[in-house]
C-alpha atoms as a PDB file:
ATOM      1  CA  MET A   1      85.372 136.490  34.351  1.00  0.00           C
ATOM      2  CA  PRO A   2      83.769 139.952  33.143  1.00  0.00           C
ATOM      3  CA  ARG A   3      85.858 142.052  30.646  1.00  0.00           C
ATOM      4  CA  THR A   4      87.698 144.914  31.864  1.00  0.00           C
ATOM      5  CA  ASP A   5      86.536 148.446  30.207  1.00  0.00           C
ATOM      6  CA  VAL A   6      89.707 149.647  28.209  1.00  0.00           C
ATOM      7  CA  THR A   7      89.274 153.151  29.749  1.00  0.00           C
ATOM      8  CA  GLN A   8      89.728 151.915  33.522  1.00  0.00           C
ATOM      9  CA  MET A   9      92.944 150.044  32.344  1.00  0.00           C
ATOM     10  CA  PRO A  10      96.419 151.711  33.208  1.00  0.00           C
ATOM     11  CA  PHE A  11      97.488 153.838  30.496  1.00  0.00           C
ATOM     12  CA  SER A  12     101.001 152.467  31.098  1.00  0.00           C
ATOM     13  CA  LYS A  13     100.081 148.945  30.393  1.00  0.00           C
ATOM     14  CA  LEU A  14      98.237 149.722  27.224  1.00  0.00           C
ATOM     15  CA  TYR A  15     100.938 152.326  25.836  1.00  0.00           C
ATOM     16  CA  HIS A  16     103.631 149.615  26.479  1.00  0.00           C
ATOM     17  CA  LEU A  17     101.309 147.426  24.216  1.00  0.00           C
ATOM     18  CA  LEU A  18     101.312 149.950  21.376  1.00  0.00           C
ATOM     19  CA  VAL A  19     104.942 150.471  21.599  1.00  0.00           C
ATOM     20  CA  ALA A  20     105.634 146.664  21.405  1.00  0.00           C
ATOM     21  CA  LYS A  21     103.259 146.339  18.302  1.00  0.00           C
ATOM     22  CA  ALA A  22     105.428 149.138  16.375  1.00  0.00           C
ATOM     23  CA  GLU A  23     108.530 147.763  17.749  1.00  0.00           C
ATOM     24  CA  LYS A  24     107.734 144.333  16.206  1.00  0.00           C
ATOM     25  CA  LYS A  25     107.618 145.974  12.865  1.00  0.00           C
ATOM     26  CA  ASN A  26     110.719 147.860  13.375  1.00  0.00           C
ATOM     27  CA  ARG A  27     109.339 151.294  14.285  1.00  0.00           C
ATOM     28  CA  SER A  28     110.300 153.007  17.485  1.00  0.00           C
ATOM     29  CA  LYS A  29     109.094 153.888  20.884  1.00  0.00           C
ATOM     30  CA  GLU A  30     110.179 157.544  20.031  1.00  0.00           C
ATOM     31  CA  GLU A  31     108.017 157.139  16.814  1.00  0.00           C
ATOM     32  CA  VAL A  32     104.872 156.040  18.794  1.00  0.00           C
ATOM     33  CA  SER A  33     105.547 158.922  21.021  1.00  0.00           C
ATOM     34  CA  GLN A  34     105.606 161.288  18.140  1.00  0.00           C
ATOM     35  CA  VAL A  35     102.270 160.289  16.848  1.00  0.00           C
ATOM     36  CA  THR A  36     100.529 160.094  20.475  1.00  0.00           C
ATOM     37  CA  ALA A  37     101.765 163.743  21.121  1.00  0.00           C
ATOM     38  CA  TRP A  38     100.566 164.772  17.764  1.00  0.00           C
ATOM     39  CA  LEU A  39      97.055 163.417  18.523  1.00  0.00           C
ATOM     40  CA  THR A  40      96.574 164.301  22.073  1.00  0.00           C
ATOM     41  CA  GLY A  41      99.040 167.703  22.567  1.00  0.00           C
ATOM     42  CA  TYR A  42     100.648 165.922  25.185  1.00  0.00           C
ATOM     43  CA  THR A  43     104.435 166.507  25.182  1.00  0.00           C
ATOM     44  CA  ILE A  44     106.871 163.423  24.828  1.00  0.00           C
ATOM     45  CA  GLU A  45     107.932 164.341  28.104  1.00  0.00           C
ATOM     46  CA  ASP A  46     104.561 164.550  29.542  1.00  0.00           C
ATOM     47  CA  ILE A  47     104.131 161.066  27.982  1.00  0.00           C
ATOM     48  CA  THR A  48     107.054 159.337  29.549  1.00  0.00           C
ATOM     49  CA  ARG A  49     106.047 160.695  32.844  1.00  0.00           C
ATOM     50  CA  LEU A  50     102.285 159.471  32.445  1.00  0.00           C
ATOM     51  CA  GLU A  51     103.922 155.984  31.509  1.00  0.00           C
ATOM     52  CA  GLN A  52     105.290 155.859  35.112  1.00  0.00           C
ATOM     53  CA  SER A  53     101.837 156.894  36.796  1.00  0.00           C
ATOM     54  CA  GLU A  54      98.772 155.078  37.943  1.00  0.00           C
ATOM     55  CA  LEU A  55      96.743 157.301  35.123  1.00  0.00           C
ATOM     56  CA  SER A  56      93.684 155.269  33.374  1.00  0.00           C
ATOM     57  CA  TYR A  57      93.573 155.038  29.846  1.00  0.00           C
ATOM     58  CA  GLY A  58      90.346 156.878  29.589  1.00  0.00           C
ATOM     59  CA  ASP A  59      91.710 159.743  31.747  1.00  0.00           C
ATOM     60  CA  PHE A  60      94.935 160.085  29.640  1.00  0.00           C
ATOM     61  CA  PHE A  61      92.272 160.970  26.638  1.00  0.00           C
ATOM     62  CA  ARG A  62      89.920 162.875  28.929  1.00  0.00           C
ATOM     63  CA  ASN A  63      92.724 165.212  30.187  1.00  0.00           C
ATOM     64  CA  ALA A  64      94.584 165.590  26.938  1.00  0.00           C
ATOM     65  CA  PRO A  65      95.801 169.222  26.741  1.00  0.00           C
ATOM     66  CA  ALA A  66      94.776 169.560  22.870  1.00  0.00           C
ATOM     67  CA  MET A  67      93.409 166.955  20.580  1.00  0.00           C
ATOM     68  CA  ASN A  68      94.613 167.489  17.242  1.00  0.00           C
ATOM     69  CA  PRO A  69      91.577 168.820  14.914  1.00  0.00           C
ATOM     70  CA  ASN A  70      93.224 166.917  12.052  1.00  0.00           C
ATOM     71  CA  ARG A  71      92.463 163.629  13.885  1.00  0.00           C
ATOM     72  CA  MET A  72      89.190 163.698  11.865  1.00  0.00           C
ATOM     73  CA  LEU A  73      91.151 163.120   8.712  1.00  0.00           C
ATOM     74  CA  ILE A  74      91.923 159.529  10.188  1.00  0.00           C
ATOM     75  CA  THR A  75      89.718 156.976   8.748  1.00  0.00           C
ATOM     76  CA  GLY A  76      89.917 153.019   8.256  1.00  0.00           C
ATOM     77  CA  LYS A  77      89.175 150.063  10.053  1.00  0.00           C
ATOM     78  CA  VAL A  78      90.685 149.018  13.212  1.00  0.00           C
ATOM     79  CA  CYS A  79      89.497 145.443  14.706  1.00  0.00           C
ATOM     80  CA  GLY A  80      87.011 145.731  11.848  1.00  0.00           C
ATOM     81  CA  VAL A  81      85.344 148.824  13.011  1.00  0.00           C
ATOM     82  CA  ARG A  82      85.631 152.127  10.863  1.00  0.00           C
ATOM     83  CA  VAL A  83      87.327 154.584  13.457  1.00  0.00           C
ATOM     84  CA  GLU A  84      85.281 157.479  11.811  1.00  0.00           C
ATOM     85  CA  GLU A  85      81.948 155.601  12.601  1.00  0.00           C
ATOM     86  CA  VAL A  86      82.665 154.952  16.457  1.00  0.00           C
ATOM     87  CA  GLU A  87      79.800 156.476  18.241  1.00  0.00           C
ATOM     88  CA  ASP A  88      81.346 156.948  21.693  1.00  0.00           C
ATOM     89  CA  PRO A  89      83.609 159.988  21.724  1.00  0.00           C
ATOM     90  CA  LEU A  90      86.173 158.650  24.241  1.00  0.00           C
ATOM     91  CA  MET A  91      86.281 155.380  22.129  1.00  0.00           C
ATOM     92  CA  ARG A  92      86.747 157.235  19.101  1.00  0.00           C
ATOM     93  CA  GLU A  93      89.778 158.989  20.470  1.00  0.00           C
ATOM     94  CA  ILE A  94      91.111 155.892  21.687  1.00  0.00           C
ATOM     95  CA  ARG A  95      90.556 153.975  18.120  1.00  0.00           C
ATOM     96  CA  TYR A  96      92.233 157.125  16.330  1.00  0.00           C
ATOM     97  CA  LEU A  97      95.556 156.352  18.491  1.00  0.00           C
ATOM     98  CA  ASP A  98      95.271 152.662  17.377  1.00  0.00           C
ATOM     99  CA  LYS A  99      94.943 153.444  13.982  1.00  0.00           C
ATOM    100  CA  LEU A 100      97.844 155.552  14.065  1.00  0.00           C
ATOM    101  CA  VAL A 101      99.793 152.975  15.637  1.00  0.00           C
ATOM    102  CA  ASP A 102      98.751 150.420  12.922  1.00  0.00           C
ATOM    103  CA  GLU A 103      99.785 152.849  10.155  1.00  0.00           C
ATOM    104  CA  LEU A 104     103.244 153.193  11.695  1.00  0.00           C
ATOM    105  CA  ALA A 105     103.311 149.524  12.086  1.00  0.00           C
ATOM    106  CA  LYS A 106     102.450 149.013   8.310  1.00  0.00           C
ATOM    107  CA  GLY A 107     105.145 151.264   7.407  1.00  0.00           C
ATOM    108  CA  LYS A 108     103.609 154.524   6.394  1.00  0.00           C
ATOM    109  CA  SER A 109     105.854 157.614   6.537  1.00  0.00           C
ATOM    110  CA  MET A 110     105.409 160.061   9.521  1.00  0.00           C
ATOM    111  CA  GLU A 111     103.992 162.505   6.628  1.00  0.00           C
ATOM    112  CA  GLN A 112     101.458 160.215   5.999  1.00  0.00           C
ATOM    113  CA  ILE A 113     100.593 159.554   9.455  1.00  0.00           C
ATOM    114  CA  LEU A 114     100.533 163.076  10.849  1.00  0.00           C
ATOM    115  CA  ARG A 115      98.228 164.099   7.926  1.00  0.00           C
ATOM    116  CA  LYS A 116     100.636 166.629   6.432  1.00  0.00           C
END
């Protein structure tokens, strides 16, 4: 069975997995929405609406209103790969969100996560 390209998968499905990861560590969906909004420029209301749509994960990032310029401060590994070294720009944006949710799940403060 061929692997599915993550960029073609539904945003709603993958976002649900990010929320579940955070909730397992006693963090909230609202916090996941906050870090997602910080990264992408979507409002929390936009994210809630997009969760109900057929939008692909790739298009979620491609259509982001305003990627945060401070996202370049996000460093570290996700699945053994350094996010700052991911060559494909779209995949790097996806990994940035993965890293933010990882930090949330590890108990970091919102100030640290949002690079304040």
